[in-house]
Each structure stands twice: as structure tokens, then as C-alpha cells.
Protein backbone atom coordinates (compact mmCIF):
# COMPACT_ATOMS: atom_id res chain seq x y z
CA UNK A 1 57.14 -9.06 -29.29
CA UNK A 2 55.10 -10.66 -32.05
CA UNK A 3 52.51 -11.87 -29.56
CA UNK A 4 52.23 -8.49 -27.87
CA UNK A 5 51.88 -6.79 -31.24
CA UNK A 6 49.27 -9.30 -32.46
CA UNK A 7 47.15 -9.48 -29.30
CA UNK A 8 47.40 -5.84 -28.19
CA UNK A 9 48.00 -3.82 -31.38
CA UNK A 10 46.62 -0.61 -29.88
CA UNK A 11 49.01 -0.71 -26.93
CA UNK A 12 51.95 -2.36 -28.69
CA UNK A 13 52.26 -1.22 -32.27
CA UNK A 14 54.92 -0.62 -34.87
CA UNK A 15 56.85 1.87 -32.74
CA UNK A 16 57.24 -0.57 -29.87
CA UNK A 17 58.13 -3.49 -32.14
CA UNK A 18 60.77 -1.53 -34.05
CA UNK A 19 62.23 -0.06 -30.86
CA UNK A 20 62.28 -3.31 -28.87
CA UNK A 21 63.82 -5.37 -31.67
CA UNK A 22 66.47 -2.70 -32.23
CA UNK A 23 67.21 -2.44 -28.51
CA UNK A 24 67.66 -6.20 -28.17
CA UNK A 25 69.91 -6.31 -31.23
CA UNK A 26 72.11 -3.56 -29.78
CA UNK A 27 72.19 -5.00 -26.25
CA UNK A 28 73.17 -8.46 -27.48
CA UNK A 29 75.82 -6.86 -29.69
CA UNK A 30 77.27 -5.09 -26.64
CA UNK A 31 77.34 -8.33 -24.66
CA UNK A 32 79.05 -10.06 -27.59
CA UNK A 33 81.68 -7.32 -27.78
CA UNK A 34 82.18 -7.39 -24.01
CA UNK A 35 83.26 -11.05 -24.09
CA UNK A 36 86.90 -10.33 -25.00
CA UNK A 37 87.56 -7.79 -22.23
CA UNK A 38 85.76 -10.02 -19.71
CA UNK A 39 87.86 -12.99 -20.83
CA UNK A 40 91.04 -10.96 -20.50
CA UNK A 41 90.06 -9.63 -17.06
CA UNK A 42 88.62 -12.83 -15.58
CA UNK A 43 90.39 -15.71 -17.34
CA UNK A 44 89.42 -18.39 -14.83
CA UNK A 45 85.87 -17.20 -14.21
CA UNK A 46 83.12 -19.65 -15.10
CA UNK A 47 81.00 -16.81 -16.46
CA UNK A 48 83.82 -15.62 -18.74
CA UNK A 49 84.39 -19.17 -19.99
CA UNK A 50 80.67 -19.60 -20.66
CA UNK A 51 80.55 -16.30 -22.55
CA UNK A 52 83.55 -17.31 -24.70
CA UNK A 53 81.86 -20.63 -25.57
CA UNK A 54 78.63 -18.84 -26.51
CA UNK A 55 79.97 -15.66 -28.14
CA UNK A 56 78.91 -16.74 -31.63
CA UNK A 57 75.45 -17.65 -30.32
CA UNK A 58 75.12 -14.18 -28.81
CA UNK A 59 76.25 -12.57 -32.05
CA UNK A 60 73.80 -14.60 -34.11
CA UNK A 61 71.01 -13.73 -31.64
CA UNK A 62 71.92 -10.06 -32.07
CA UNK A 63 71.68 -10.50 -35.83
CA UNK A 64 68.32 -12.29 -35.47
CA UNK A 65 66.90 -9.28 -33.62
CA UNK A 66 68.42 -6.96 -36.24
CA UNK A 67 66.76 -9.09 -38.92
CA UNK A 68 63.45 -8.82 -37.06
CA UNK A 69 64.00 -5.05 -36.75
CA UNK A 70 64.62 -4.83 -40.50
CA UNK A 71 61.66 -7.07 -41.26
CA UNK A 72 59.30 -4.91 -39.20
CA UNK A 73 60.62 -1.81 -40.98
CA UNK A 74 60.15 -3.38 -44.42
CA UNK A 75 56.66 -4.61 -43.52
CA UNK A 76 55.65 -1.12 -42.40
CA UNK A 77 57.00 0.51 -45.57
CA UNK A 78 55.30 -2.06 -47.75
CA UNK A 79 57.01 -1.23 -51.05
CA UNK A 80 60.55 -1.05 -52.36
CA UNK A 81 59.79 2.44 -53.65
CA UNK A 82 59.11 3.74 -50.12
CA UNK A 83 62.22 2.01 -48.76
CA UNK A 84 64.42 3.51 -51.49
CA UNK A 85 62.88 6.95 -50.96
CA UNK A 86 64.20 6.96 -47.37
CA UNK A 87 67.64 5.60 -48.27
CA UNK A 88 69.16 9.09 -48.35
CA UNK A 89 68.40 9.75 -44.69
CA UNK A 90 71.51 9.28 -42.56
CA UNK A 91 69.97 7.06 -39.91
CA UNK A 92 68.43 4.74 -42.53
CA UNK A 93 71.68 4.51 -44.49
CA UNK A 94 73.67 3.78 -41.32
CA UNK A 95 71.21 1.01 -40.44
CA UNK A 96 71.39 -0.59 -43.88
CA UNK A 97 75.20 -0.42 -43.94
CA UNK A 98 75.37 -2.01 -40.48
CA UNK A 99 72.99 -4.75 -41.61
CA UNK A 100 75.08 -5.33 -44.77
CA UNK A 101 78.21 -5.76 -42.64
CA UNK A 102 76.46 -8.10 -40.20
CA UNK A 103 75.03 -10.36 -42.89
CA UNK A 104 78.32 -12.12 -43.84
CA UNK A 105 79.18 -12.41 -40.15
CA UNK A 106 75.91 -14.20 -39.41
CA UNK A 107 76.27 -16.45 -42.45
CA UNK A 108 79.81 -17.48 -41.49
CA UNK A 109 79.19 -17.91 -37.75
CA UNK A 110 79.53 -21.68 -37.86
CA UNK A 111 82.30 -24.24 -37.54
CA UNK A 112 82.27 -25.17 -41.24
CA UNK A 113 82.93 -21.55 -42.24
CA UNK A 114 85.69 -21.26 -39.66
CA UNK A 115 87.41 -24.34 -41.13
CA UNK A 116 86.93 -23.18 -44.72
CA UNK A 117 88.05 -19.58 -44.18
CA UNK A 118 90.89 -20.40 -41.73
CA UNK A 119 92.67 -17.15 -40.74
CA UNK A 120 90.43 -15.11 -43.03
CA UNK A 121 87.49 -15.93 -40.74
CA UNK A 122 88.90 -13.80 -37.94
CA UNK A 123 89.71 -10.99 -40.36
CA UNK A 124 86.16 -11.10 -41.73
CA UNK A 125 84.66 -11.07 -38.25
CA UNK A 126 86.53 -7.91 -37.37
CA UNK A 127 83.83 -6.20 -39.45
CA UNK A 128 81.83 -6.33 -36.23
CA UNK A 129 83.61 -3.15 -35.06
CA UNK A 130 82.59 -0.82 -37.92
CA UNK A 131 79.17 -2.52 -37.93
CA UNK A 132 78.79 -1.72 -34.23
CA UNK A 133 79.69 1.93 -34.84
CA UNK A 134 77.10 2.13 -37.62
CA UNK A 135 74.51 0.40 -35.43
CA UNK A 136 74.92 2.91 -32.65
CA UNK A 137 74.96 5.86 -35.09
CA UNK A 138 71.68 4.51 -36.46
CA UNK A 139 70.29 4.40 -32.92
CA UNK A 140 71.44 7.92 -31.99
CA UNK A 141 70.18 9.46 -35.23
CA UNK A 142 66.82 7.66 -35.18
CA UNK A 143 65.90 8.03 -31.50
CA UNK A 144 63.17 10.44 -30.42
CA UNK A 145 65.24 11.10 -27.30
CA UNK A 146 68.86 10.16 -28.08
CA UNK A 147 69.96 10.31 -24.41
CA UNK A 148 69.55 6.55 -23.92
CA UNK A 149 71.34 5.88 -27.19
CA UNK A 150 74.24 8.13 -26.16
CA UNK A 151 74.50 6.30 -22.83
CA UNK A 152 74.82 3.03 -24.75
CA UNK A 153 77.41 4.61 -27.06
CA UNK A 154 79.39 5.47 -23.92
CA UNK A 155 79.12 1.89 -22.67
CA UNK A 156 80.23 0.59 -26.07
CA UNK A 157 83.17 3.02 -26.09
CA UNK A 158 84.17 1.87 -22.59
CA UNK A 159 83.96 -1.80 -23.65
CA UNK A 160 86.09 -1.17 -26.73
CA UNK A 161 88.56 1.08 -24.91
CA UNK A 162 89.02 -1.57 -22.23
CA UNK A 163 89.45 -4.30 -24.87
CA UNK A 164 92.13 -2.32 -26.71
CA UNK A 165 93.94 -1.44 -23.47
CA UNK A 166 93.88 -5.05 -22.22
CA UNK A 167 95.06 -6.47 -25.54
CA UNK A 168 98.01 -4.06 -25.68
CA UNK A 169 98.91 -4.64 -22.04
């Protein structure tokens, strides 16, 4: 993304960089959230086992793209005054709240934090669910054509519905 933006700024500008980084953040978040239902459905599958081993990596990668998305946004705005002026808009507020929820998850996505927090680690990491809702609200509210965002909301709802159903079963 950075290379495309640097070498072809006329063809790949701010709009593409903000959209692509946001898309990747959301897609990786969906894959991360899909790990539990896939594990419950396909316990012995090599793919499910690999996903379980790398779930934290996927979540941190999702956060890295969200951080890039936020960084591009902040770079474009240029001043704190302009950022704060937009804070009242629903899609901006939803994005900032999602980012605020993801930040402690990214910081504690390591073995040392798991050992230090013990059972609280899992409780803390359940913040991923409201953060995901806020992420997808941000996407729907900010999209020029929200159809794609709504399709992804449907996929996320199916993933979460399946997870809840499988865990209660």
C-alpha cells in the first residue's frame, strides 16, 4: 500500500490507502473471529489447528492494519484541531471507540500478559466482540456504497451466530 501510494500517487491516493487498510483490518478481524467456530466444527482439521495456533497473530495483524488506517487518517487531517472537529460524526466516533477497545487487546496479545493476567486475560479479550461491532458500524457509516459493508456485517453475524450456537450445543 505504501509503495503504491508513493510511486503512483495519482492513481493510488488517500482514498485507496484508507479503504485498503480498513478492509484488511476488517477481513483479518473476521478471520480471527471465525477461528472458534471453525475449531468447534472441525476439531481434527489441520487448518483449524493452524488457525488456533495463529489466532493471536491474526488479531495483531488486524490491529496493525487498523493502526495503519488510523495513521493515514491522522496524516491526512494534519492537526489535532481537525481530528477533534470530526469527533462528533458517528462513523468517526465508532472508529475511535473500536480502536480504543482494540489497543489493550493488541498490547496484551503475548504470553507474558497471558501469564500475568491469568483468567482476566480471557475476560479482557472478550472486548473483541463490541470492538468488532463498532468496527463494522464504522465501515457501514463511512462507506460511499455501504452494500459491501453490509455484506460483511452479514458474514460477521453468521460467524458469531454459529459460534454462539456451537458453544451452547
